[in-house]
Amino acid sequence: MPKIIYGTAWKKDRTAELVVQAVKAGFRGIDTACQPKHYREDLVGKALKQLFAEGVKREDLFIQTKYTSLDGQDMSQPLPYDSSASISDQVTQSIQKSLTNLGVEYIDSVVLHGPLRTRQDTLAAYQALESFVDKGILLNLGVSNFYDPTLLNWLISKVRIKIGVVQNRWYEGNGFNWPIYEICQANDIHYQSFWTLSGNPTLLHTPELLSIAEKHSLTPEQAVYALCQKWVVLTLTPLMTDGISRLCVDPLQPVT
């Protein structure tokens, strides 16, 4: 699982173009979702088709998508599943749609885009994903937007196939989500952050961070990503600068 993953939310019609640029810049992880409201998963697939035709190997890319429940969908747009179907069937249809959109035979990681309305519904959705792991279609499972430590611990205790990823906002507004991060550390779960830069304008200007950046000849943004690597916080980024892509393929030595 790459330490820095290219996030495709809100890229809209430019999604394919930007994913191709990101991979050519050094990114090996791509994050999307089967959620037309914020993502163009189909255009990620268009980019992958081009990249594969140009010689990029499927096994060299880490592709992650999401199952988004009805509460996270825009009901005015075509849904990736039958809204009247059971949760299990909705998940099944969503995964089938993702496979078609992406044009791949397997997906490296699929996460629940957030808790469903009840614990039992959340567990039912996760269990439906587990069946695809049994078939070798999904390689890793996870959850996103889980901010309640009690709920996360409960789900960890109930699932058959280990939660491999928690993808949450890691930013000043939630105290950097340390309670969830600590649960991940204790259970060998990859913690993925988003809003890593946009949610932390104060962090980027603290004297301590600026000092680290100067000491290691980094920009403040690079210093944040380097620290995340040191803390085992995997990051999603919309950026494609040379400095960020260098961290993707040639991580810095741990900073102190």
C-alpha atoms as a PDB file:
ATOM      1  CA  MET A   1       0.000   0.000   0.000  1.00  0.00           C
ATOM      2  CA  PRO A   2       1.645   3.275  -1.110  1.00  0.00           C
ATOM      3  CA  LYS A   3       2.490   5.876   1.503  1.00  0.00           C
ATOM      4  CA  ILE A   4       0.952   8.641  -0.601  1.00  0.00           C
ATOM      5  CA  ILE A   5      -2.159   8.059  -2.720  1.00  0.00           C
ATOM      6  CA  TYR A   6      -3.578  10.317  -5.402  1.00  0.00           C
ATOM      7  CA  GLY A   7      -7.130  11.370  -4.479  1.00  0.00           C
ATOM      8  CA  THR A   8      -9.608  11.892  -7.314  1.00  0.00           C
ATOM      9  CA  ALA A   9     -12.535  13.576  -5.559  1.00  0.00           C
ATOM     10  CA  TRP A  10     -13.972  16.653  -7.309  1.00  0.00           C
ATOM     11  CA  LYS A  11     -11.766  16.281 -10.390  1.00  0.00           C
ATOM     12  CA  LYS A  12     -14.906  15.938 -12.519  1.00  0.00           C
ATOM     13  CA  ASP A  13     -14.276  15.921 -16.285  1.00  0.00           C
ATOM     14  CA  ARG A  14     -10.512  16.286 -15.794  1.00  0.00           C
ATOM     15  CA  THR A  15     -10.257  13.036 -13.818  1.00  0.00           C
ATOM     16  CA  ALA A  16      -8.762  10.866 -16.583  1.00  0.00           C
ATOM     17  CA  GLU A  17      -6.219  13.482 -17.614  1.00  0.00           C
ATOM     18  CA  LEU A  18      -5.109  14.120 -14.035  1.00  0.00           C
ATOM     19  CA  VAL A  19      -4.846  10.436 -13.079  1.00  0.00           C
ATOM     20  CA  VAL A  20      -2.580   9.813 -16.080  1.00  0.00           C
ATOM     21  CA  GLN A  21      -0.432  12.789 -15.071  1.00  0.00           C
ATOM     22  CA  ALA A  22      -0.294  11.598 -11.470  1.00  0.00           C
ATOM     23  CA  VAL A  23       0.896   8.104 -12.368  1.00  0.00           C
ATOM     24  CA  LYS A  24       3.489   9.485 -14.767  1.00  0.00           C
ATOM     25  CA  ALA A  25       4.656  11.832 -12.011  1.00  0.00           C
ATOM     26  CA  GLY A  26       5.313   8.874  -9.710  1.00  0.00           C
ATOM     27  CA  PHE A  27       2.086   8.088  -7.888  1.00  0.00           C
ATOM     28  CA  ARG A  28       1.327   4.379  -7.561  1.00  0.00           C
ATOM     29  CA  GLY A  29      -1.884   4.648  -5.537  1.00  0.00           C
ATOM     30  CA  ILE A  30      -5.241   5.970  -6.795  1.00  0.00           C
ATOM     31  CA  ASP A  31      -8.286   6.586  -4.596  1.00  0.00           C
ATOM     32  CA  THR A  32     -11.804   6.935  -5.988  1.00  0.00           C
ATOM     33  CA  ALA A  33     -15.385   5.967  -5.092  1.00  0.00           C
ATOM     34  CA  CYS A  34     -18.506   4.565  -6.710  1.00  0.00           C
ATOM     35  CA  GLN A  35     -20.223   7.847  -5.892  1.00  0.00           C
ATOM     36  CA  PRO A  36     -21.090  10.109  -8.860  1.00  0.00           C
ATOM     37  CA  LYS A  37     -21.768  12.948  -6.418  1.00  0.00           C
ATOM     38  CA  HIS A  38     -18.042  13.589  -5.875  1.00  0.00           C
ATOM     39  CA  TYR A  39     -16.122  11.150  -8.102  1.00  0.00           C
ATOM     40  CA  ARG A  40     -15.838  10.064 -11.733  1.00  0.00           C
ATOM     41  CA  GLU A  41     -14.843   6.463 -11.188  1.00  0.00           C
ATOM     42  CA  ASP A  42     -15.521   5.761 -14.862  1.00  0.00           C
ATOM     43  CA  LEU A  43     -12.886   8.326 -15.877  1.00  0.00           C
ATOM     44  CA  VAL A  44     -10.382   6.729 -13.505  1.00  0.00           C
ATOM     45  CA  GLY A  45     -11.035   3.598 -15.550  1.00  0.00           C
ATOM     46  CA  LYS A  46     -10.431   5.527 -18.768  1.00  0.00           C
ATOM     47  CA  ALA A  47      -7.077   6.674 -17.399  1.00  0.00           C
ATOM     48  CA  LEU A  48      -6.152   3.135 -16.364  1.00  0.00           C
ATOM     49  CA  LYS A  49      -6.947   1.826 -19.837  1.00  0.00           C
ATOM     50  CA  GLN A  50      -4.577   4.393 -21.337  1.00  0.00           C
ATOM     51  CA  LEU A  51      -1.849   3.681 -18.793  1.00  0.00           C
ATOM     52  CA  PHE A  52      -2.062  -0.079 -19.285  1.00  0.00           C
ATOM     53  CA  ALA A  53      -1.877   0.406 -23.050  1.00  0.00           C
ATOM     54  CA  GLU A  54       1.291   2.460 -22.525  1.00  0.00           C
ATOM     55  CA  GLY A  55       2.963  -0.297 -20.549  1.00  0.00           C
ATOM     56  CA  VAL A  56       2.032   0.350 -16.917  1.00  0.00           C
ATOM     57  CA  LYS A  57       1.462  -2.992 -15.203  1.00  0.00           C
ATOM     58  CA  ARG A  58      -1.730  -3.560 -13.242  1.00  0.00           C
ATOM     59  CA  GLU A  59       0.203  -5.068 -10.339  1.00  0.00           C
ATOM     60  CA  ASP A  60       2.270  -1.895 -10.007  1.00  0.00           C
ATOM     61  CA  LEU A  61      -0.791   0.195  -9.116  1.00  0.00           C
ATOM     62  CA  PHE A  62      -2.798   0.253  -5.892  1.00  0.00           C
ATOM     63  CA  ILE A  63      -6.419   1.024  -6.757  1.00  0.00           C
ATOM     64  CA  GLN A  64      -8.859   1.862  -4.000  1.00  0.00           C
ATOM     65  CA  THR A  65     -12.555   2.644  -4.271  1.00  0.00           C
ATOM     66  CA  LYS A  66     -15.551   2.848  -1.957  1.00  0.00           C
ATOM     67  CA  TYR A  67     -19.059   1.593  -1.433  1.00  0.00           C
ATOM     68  CA  THR A  68     -21.206   4.626  -0.635  1.00  0.00           C
ATOM     69  CA  SER A  69     -24.582   4.080   1.020  1.00  0.00           C
ATOM     70  CA  LEU A  70     -27.710   5.966  -0.065  1.00  0.00           C
ATOM     71  CA  ASP A  71     -27.119   8.660   2.543  1.00  0.00           C
ATOM     72  CA  GLY A  72     -23.913   9.626   0.734  1.00  0.00           C
ATOM     73  CA  GLN A  73     -25.314   9.540  -2.788  1.00  0.00           C
ATOM     74  CA  ASP A  74     -26.871  12.329  -4.843  1.00  0.00           C
ATOM     75  CA  MET A  75     -30.327  10.971  -5.574  1.00  0.00           C
ATOM     76  CA  SER A  76     -30.636  13.262  -8.613  1.00  0.00           C
ATOM     77  CA  GLN A  77     -27.833  11.361 -10.346  1.00  0.00           C
ATOM     78  CA  PRO A  78     -27.841   7.745 -11.603  1.00  0.00           C
ATOM     79  CA  LEU A  79     -27.124   5.427  -8.692  1.00  0.00           C
ATOM     80  CA  PRO A  80     -24.629   2.548  -8.951  1.00  0.00           C
ATOM     81  CA  TYR A  81     -27.212   0.157  -7.486  1.00  0.00           C
ATOM     82  CA  ASP A  82     -30.931  -0.399  -6.976  1.00  0.00           C
ATOM     83  CA  SER A  83     -31.982   1.877  -4.113  1.00  0.00           C
ATOM     84  CA  SER A  84     -34.741  -0.555  -3.108  1.00  0.00           C
ATOM     85  CA  ALA A  85     -32.407  -3.551  -2.895  1.00  0.00           C
ATOM     86  CA  SER A  86     -31.084  -4.996   0.352  1.00  0.00           C
ATOM     87  CA  ILE A  87     -27.824  -3.596   1.686  1.00  0.00           C
ATOM     88  CA  SER A  88     -26.023  -6.786   0.684  1.00  0.00           C
ATOM     89  CA  ASP A  89     -27.346  -6.520  -2.862  1.00  0.00           C
ATOM     90  CA  GLN A  90     -26.508  -2.820  -3.028  1.00  0.00           C
ATOM     91  CA  VAL A  91     -22.913  -3.599  -2.089  1.00  0.00           C
ATOM     92  CA  THR A  92     -22.762  -6.387  -4.666  1.00  0.00           C
ATOM     93  CA  GLN A  93     -24.096  -4.127  -7.407  1.00  0.00           C
ATOM     94  CA  SER A  94     -21.734  -1.322  -6.373  1.00  0.00           C
ATOM     95  CA  ILE A  95     -18.682  -3.586  -6.582  1.00  0.00           C
ATOM     96  CA  GLN A  96     -19.770  -4.925  -9.957  1.00  0.00           C
ATOM     97  CA  LYS A  97     -20.200  -1.341 -11.167  1.00  0.00           C
ATOM     98  CA  SER A  98     -16.734  -0.420  -9.866  1.00  0.00           C
ATOM     99  CA  LEU A  99     -15.143  -3.359 -11.673  1.00  0.00           C
ATOM    100  CA  THR A 100     -16.833  -2.250 -14.893  1.00  0.00           C
ATOM    101  CA  ASN A 101     -15.955   1.416 -14.390  1.00  0.00           C
ATOM    102  CA  LEU A 102     -12.322   0.678 -13.611  1.00  0.00           C
ATOM    103  CA  GLY A 103     -11.906  -2.040 -16.219  1.00  0.00           C
ATOM    104  CA  VAL A 104     -10.020  -4.324 -13.841  1.00  0.00           C
ATOM    105  CA  GLU A 105     -10.474  -7.878 -12.607  1.00  0.00           C
ATOM    106  CA  TYR A 106      -9.630  -7.112  -8.994  1.00  0.00           C
ATOM    107  CA  ILE A 107      -9.496  -4.069  -6.723  1.00  0.00           C
ATOM    108  CA  ASP A 108      -6.729  -3.623  -4.183  1.00  0.00           C
ATOM    109  CA  SER A 109      -8.875  -1.981  -1.533  1.00  0.00           C
ATOM    110  CA  VAL A 110     -12.546  -1.132  -0.990  1.00  0.00           C
ATOM    111  CA  VAL A 111     -13.757   0.837   1.995  1.00  0.00           C
ATOM    112  CA  LEU A 112     -17.187   1.650   3.389  1.00  0.00           C
ATOM    113  CA  HIS A 113     -17.545   5.369   2.690  1.00  0.00           C
ATOM    114  CA  GLY A 114     -18.982   5.894   6.162  1.00  0.00           C
ATOM    115  CA  PRO A 115     -21.053   4.172   8.836  1.00  0.00           C
ATOM    116  CA  LEU A 116     -24.555   3.233   7.782  1.00  0.00           C
ATOM    117  CA  ARG A 117     -27.576   4.256   9.835  1.00  0.00           C
ATOM    118  CA  THR A 118     -27.287   1.383  12.300  1.00  0.00           C
ATOM    119  CA  ARG A 119     -24.514  -0.848  13.512  1.00  0.00           C
ATOM    120  CA  GLN A 120     -26.194  -3.889  12.028  1.00  0.00           C
ATOM    121  CA  ASP A 121     -26.524  -2.220   8.632  1.00  0.00           C
ATOM    122  CA  THR A 122     -22.854  -1.248   8.783  1.00  0.00           C
ATOM    123  CA  LEU A 123     -21.889  -4.823   9.603  1.00  0.00           C
ATOM    124  CA  ALA A 124     -24.132  -6.178   6.828  1.00  0.00           C
ATOM    125  CA  ALA A 125     -22.395  -3.932   4.280  1.00  0.00           C
ATOM    126  CA  TYR A 126     -18.958  -5.016   5.486  1.00  0.00           C
ATOM    127  CA  GLN A 127     -19.934  -8.686   5.415  1.00  0.00           C
ATOM    128  CA  ALA A 128     -21.076  -8.284   1.815  1.00  0.00           C
ATOM    129  CA  LEU A 129     -17.620  -6.938   0.982  1.00  0.00           C
ATOM    130  CA  GLU A 130     -16.041  -9.932   2.731  1.00  0.00           C
ATOM    131  CA  SER A 131     -17.639 -12.280   0.218  1.00  0.00           C
ATOM    132  CA  PHE A 132     -15.664 -10.572  -2.577  1.00  0.00           C
ATOM    133  CA  VAL A 133     -12.421 -11.077  -0.670  1.00  0.00           C
ATOM    134  CA  ASP A 134     -13.234 -14.786  -0.520  1.00  0.00           C
ATOM    135  CA  LYS A 135     -13.433 -14.756  -4.339  1.00  0.00           C
ATOM    136  CA  GLY A 136     -10.154 -12.872  -4.747  1.00  0.00           C
ATOM    137  CA  ILE A 137     -11.900  -9.870  -6.314  1.00  0.00           C
ATOM    138  CA  LEU A 138     -11.077  -7.515  -3.423  1.00  0.00           C
ATOM    139  CA  LEU A 139      -7.714  -7.730  -1.690  1.00  0.00           C
ATOM    140  CA  ASN A 140      -8.210  -5.375   1.273  1.00  0.00           C
ATOM    141  CA  LEU A 141     -11.196  -3.941   3.135  1.00  0.00           C
ATOM    142  CA  GLY A 142     -11.595  -0.839   5.204  1.00  0.00           C
ATOM    143  CA  VAL A 143     -13.806   1.969   6.418  1.00  0.00           C
ATOM    144  CA  SER A 144     -13.878   5.722   5.961  1.00  0.00           C
ATOM    145  CA  ASN A 145     -15.296   8.604   8.010  1.00  0.00           C
ATOM    146  CA  PHE A 146     -15.377   6.530  11.205  1.00  0.00           C
ATOM    147  CA  TYR A 147     -14.831   8.982  14.061  1.00  0.00           C
ATOM    148  CA  ASP A 148     -16.499   7.122  16.927  1.00  0.00           C
ATOM    149  CA  PRO A 149     -13.889   4.939  18.687  1.00  0.00           C
ATOM    150  CA  THR A 150     -16.601   2.784  20.256  1.00  0.00           C
ATOM    151  CA  LEU A 151     -18.140   2.031  16.867  1.00  0.00           C
ATOM    152  CA  LEU A 152     -14.786   1.227  15.297  1.00  0.00           C
ATOM    153  CA  ASN A 153     -13.818  -1.113  18.144  1.00  0.00           C
ATOM    154  CA  TRP A 154     -17.209  -2.810  17.888  1.00  0.00           C
ATOM    155  CA  LEU A 155     -16.828  -3.389  14.153  1.00  0.00           C
ATOM    156  CA  ILE A 156     -13.284  -4.703  14.606  1.00  0.00           C
ATOM    157  CA  SER A 157     -14.656  -7.272  17.041  1.00  0.00           C
ATOM    158  CA  LYS A 158     -17.424  -8.406  14.664  1.00  0.00           C
ATOM    159  CA  VAL A 159     -15.807  -8.742  11.248  1.00  0.00           C
ATOM    160  CA  ARG A 160     -14.451 -11.986   9.838  1.00  0.00           C
ATOM    161  CA  ILE A 161     -11.896 -10.389   7.526  1.00  0.00           C
ATOM    162  CA  LYS A 162      -9.669  -7.867   9.216  1.00  0.00           C
ATOM    163  CA  ILE A 163     -10.208  -4.148   8.695  1.00  0.00           C
ATOM    164  CA  GLY A 164      -7.086  -3.115   6.812  1.00  0.00           C
ATOM    165  CA  VAL A 165      -7.726   0.602   6.285  1.00  0.00           C
ATOM    166  CA  VAL A 166      -9.319   3.514   8.106  1.00  0.00           C
ATOM    167  CA  GLN A 167      -9.525   6.634   5.959  1.00  0.00           C
ATOM    168  CA  ASN A 168     -10.427   9.749   7.958  1.00  0.00           C
ATOM    169  CA  ARG A 169      -9.972  13.491   8.081  1.00  0.00           C
ATOM    170  CA  TRP A 170      -6.653  14.155   9.837  1.00  0.00           C
ATOM    171  CA  TYR A 171      -6.763  17.828  10.627  1.00  0.00           C
ATOM    172  CA  GLU A 172      -6.879  20.543  13.241  1.00  0.00           C
ATOM    173  CA  GLY A 173     -10.677  20.483  13.487  1.00  0.00           C
ATOM    174  CA  ASN A 174     -10.828  17.000  15.011  1.00  0.00           C
ATOM    175  CA  GLY A 175      -7.617  17.146  17.021  1.00  0.00           C
ATOM    176  CA  PHE A 176      -5.847  15.091  14.341  1.00  0.00           C
ATOM    177  CA  ASN A 177      -8.130  12.130  15.084  1.00  0.00           C
ATOM    178  CA  TRP A 178      -5.665  10.609  17.562  1.00  0.00           C
ATOM    179  CA  PRO A 179      -8.148   8.228  19.304  1.00  0.00           C
ATOM    180  CA  ILE A 180      -8.882   6.517  15.975  1.00  0.00           C
ATOM    181  CA  TYR A 181      -5.218   6.620  14.977  1.00  0.00           C
ATOM    182  CA  GLU A 182      -4.297   4.855  18.238  1.00  0.00           C
ATOM    183  CA  ILE A 183      -6.888   2.133  17.600  1.00  0.00           C
ATOM    184  CA  CYS A 184      -5.348   1.624  14.169  1.00  0.00           C
ATOM    185  CA  GLN A 185      -1.867   1.352  15.636  1.00  0.00           C
ATOM    186  CA  ALA A 186      -3.046  -1.177  18.220  1.00  0.00           C
ATOM    187  CA  ASN A 187      -4.776  -3.332  15.588  1.00  0.00           C
ATOM    188  CA  ASP A 188      -2.241  -3.118  12.739  1.00  0.00           C
ATOM    189  CA  ILE A 189      -4.627  -1.073  10.566  1.00  0.00           C
ATOM    190  CA  HIS A 190      -3.392   1.370   7.931  1.00  0.00           C
ATOM    191  CA  TYR A 191      -4.522   4.887   8.830  1.00  0.00           C
ATOM    192  CA  GLN A 192      -5.123   7.011   5.723  1.00  0.00           C
ATOM    193  CA  SER A 193      -5.565  10.751   6.089  1.00  0.00           C
ATOM    194  CA  PHE A 194      -7.341  13.258   3.921  1.00  0.00           C
ATOM    195  CA  TRP A 195      -7.520  17.046   4.313  1.00  0.00           C
ATOM    196  CA  THR A 196      -3.858  16.631   5.260  1.00  0.00           C
ATOM    197  CA  LEU A 197      -2.905  20.028   3.856  1.00  0.00           C
ATOM    198  CA  SER A 198      -6.159  21.880   3.214  1.00  0.00           C
ATOM    199  CA  GLY A 199      -7.412  21.141   6.720  1.00  0.00           C
ATOM    200  CA  ASN A 200      -4.216  22.273   8.440  1.00  0.00           C
ATOM    201  CA  PRO A 201      -3.421  25.893   7.511  1.00  0.00           C
ATOM    202  CA  THR A 202      -2.164  26.649  11.024  1.00  0.00           C
ATOM    203  CA  LEU A 203       0.086  23.577  11.131  1.00  0.00           C
ATOM    204  CA  LEU A 204       1.773  24.644   7.914  1.00  0.00           C
ATOM    205  CA  HIS A 205       2.899  27.890   9.546  1.00  0.00           C
ATOM    206  CA  THR A 206       3.976  26.721  13.006  1.00  0.00           C
ATOM    207  CA  PRO A 207       7.582  27.559  13.945  1.00  0.00           C
ATOM    208  CA  GLU A 208       8.291  23.901  14.715  1.00  0.00           C
ATOM    209  CA  LEU A 209       7.219  22.712  11.274  1.00  0.00           C
ATOM    210  CA  LEU A 210       8.994  25.551   9.512  1.00  0.00           C
ATOM    211  CA  SER A 211      12.155  24.677  11.422  1.00  0.00           C
ATOM    212  CA  ILE A 212      11.920  21.015  10.327  1.00  0.00           C
ATOM    213  CA  ALA A 213      11.332  22.079   6.738  1.00  0.00           C
ATOM    214  CA  GLU A 214      14.321  24.409   6.745  1.00  0.00           C
ATOM    215  CA  LYS A 215      16.591  21.826   8.386  1.00  0.00           C
ATOM    216  CA  HIS A 216      15.814  19.238   5.693  1.00  0.00           C
ATOM    217  CA  SER A 217      15.507  21.637   2.726  1.00  0.00           C
ATOM    218  CA  LEU A 218      11.788  20.936   2.365  1.00  0.00           C
ATOM    219  CA  THR A 219       8.737  23.033   1.736  1.00  0.00           C
ATOM    220  CA  PRO A 220       6.278  23.073   4.674  1.00  0.00           C
ATOM    221  CA  GLU A 221       3.960  20.844   2.624  1.00  0.00           C
ATOM    222  CA  GLN A 222       6.711  18.295   2.031  1.00  0.00           C
ATOM    223  CA  ALA A 223       7.568  18.379   5.725  1.00  0.00           C
ATOM    224  CA  VAL A 224       3.974  17.507   6.643  1.00  0.00           C
ATOM    225  CA  TYR A 225       4.003  14.510   4.310  1.00  0.00           C
ATOM    226  CA  ALA A 226       7.421  13.392   5.564  1.00  0.00           C
ATOM    227  CA  LEU A 227       6.208  13.568   9.171  1.00  0.00           C
ATOM    228  CA  CYS A 228       3.115  11.577   8.244  1.00  0.00           C
ATOM    229  CA  GLN A 229       5.392   8.880   6.855  1.00  0.00           C
ATOM    230  CA  LYS A 230       7.360   8.864  10.083  1.00  0.00           C
ATOM    231  CA  TRP A 231       4.120   8.534  12.073  1.00  0.00           C
ATOM    232  CA  VAL A 232       2.798   5.807   9.732  1.00  0.00           C
ATOM    233  CA  VAL A 233      -0.020   8.018   8.505  1.00  0.00           C
ATOM    234  CA  LEU A 234      -0.722   7.234   4.855  1.00  0.00           C
ATOM    235  CA  THR A 235      -1.919  10.297   2.996  1.00  0.00           C
ATOM    236  CA  LEU A 236      -4.269  11.156   0.165  1.00  0.00           C
ATOM    237  CA  THR A 237      -3.327  14.208  -1.848  1.00  0.00           C
ATOM    238  CA  PRO A 238      -4.735  16.062  -4.858  1.00  0.00           C
ATOM    239  CA  LEU A 239      -1.291  17.547  -5.567  1.00  0.00           C
ATOM    240  CA  MET A 240       1.110  16.627  -8.344  1.00  0.00           C
ATOM    241  CA  THR A 241       4.203  18.724  -7.699  1.00  0.00           C
ATOM    242  CA  ASP A 242       7.673  17.272  -8.206  1.00  0.00           C
ATOM    243  CA  GLY A 243       8.323  17.469  -4.479  1.00  0.00           C
ATOM    244  CA  ILE A 244       5.227  15.501  -3.515  1.00  0.00           C
ATOM    245  CA  SER A 245       5.692  12.860  -6.214  1.00  0.00           C
ATOM    246  CA  ARG A 246       9.299  12.400  -5.069  1.00  0.00           C
ATOM    247  CA  LEU A 247       7.947  11.386  -1.662  1.00  0.00           C
ATOM    248  CA  CYS A 248       5.772   8.785  -3.411  1.00  0.00           C
ATOM    249  CA  VAL A 249       8.567   6.862  -5.040  1.00  0.00           C
ATOM    250  CA  ASP A 250      11.640   7.886  -3.038  1.00  0.00           C
ATOM    251  CA  PRO A 251      10.561   8.511   0.564  1.00  0.00           C
ATOM    252  CA  LEU A 252      12.759  10.740   2.671  1.00  0.00           C
ATOM    253  CA  GLN A 253      14.806   9.333   5.488  1.00  0.00           C
ATOM    254  CA  PRO A 254      12.796   9.738   8.711  1.00  0.00           C
ATOM    255  CA  VAL A 255      13.055  13.260  10.000  1.00  0.00           C
ATOM    256  CA  THR A 256      13.662  14.118  13.631  1.00  0.00           C
END
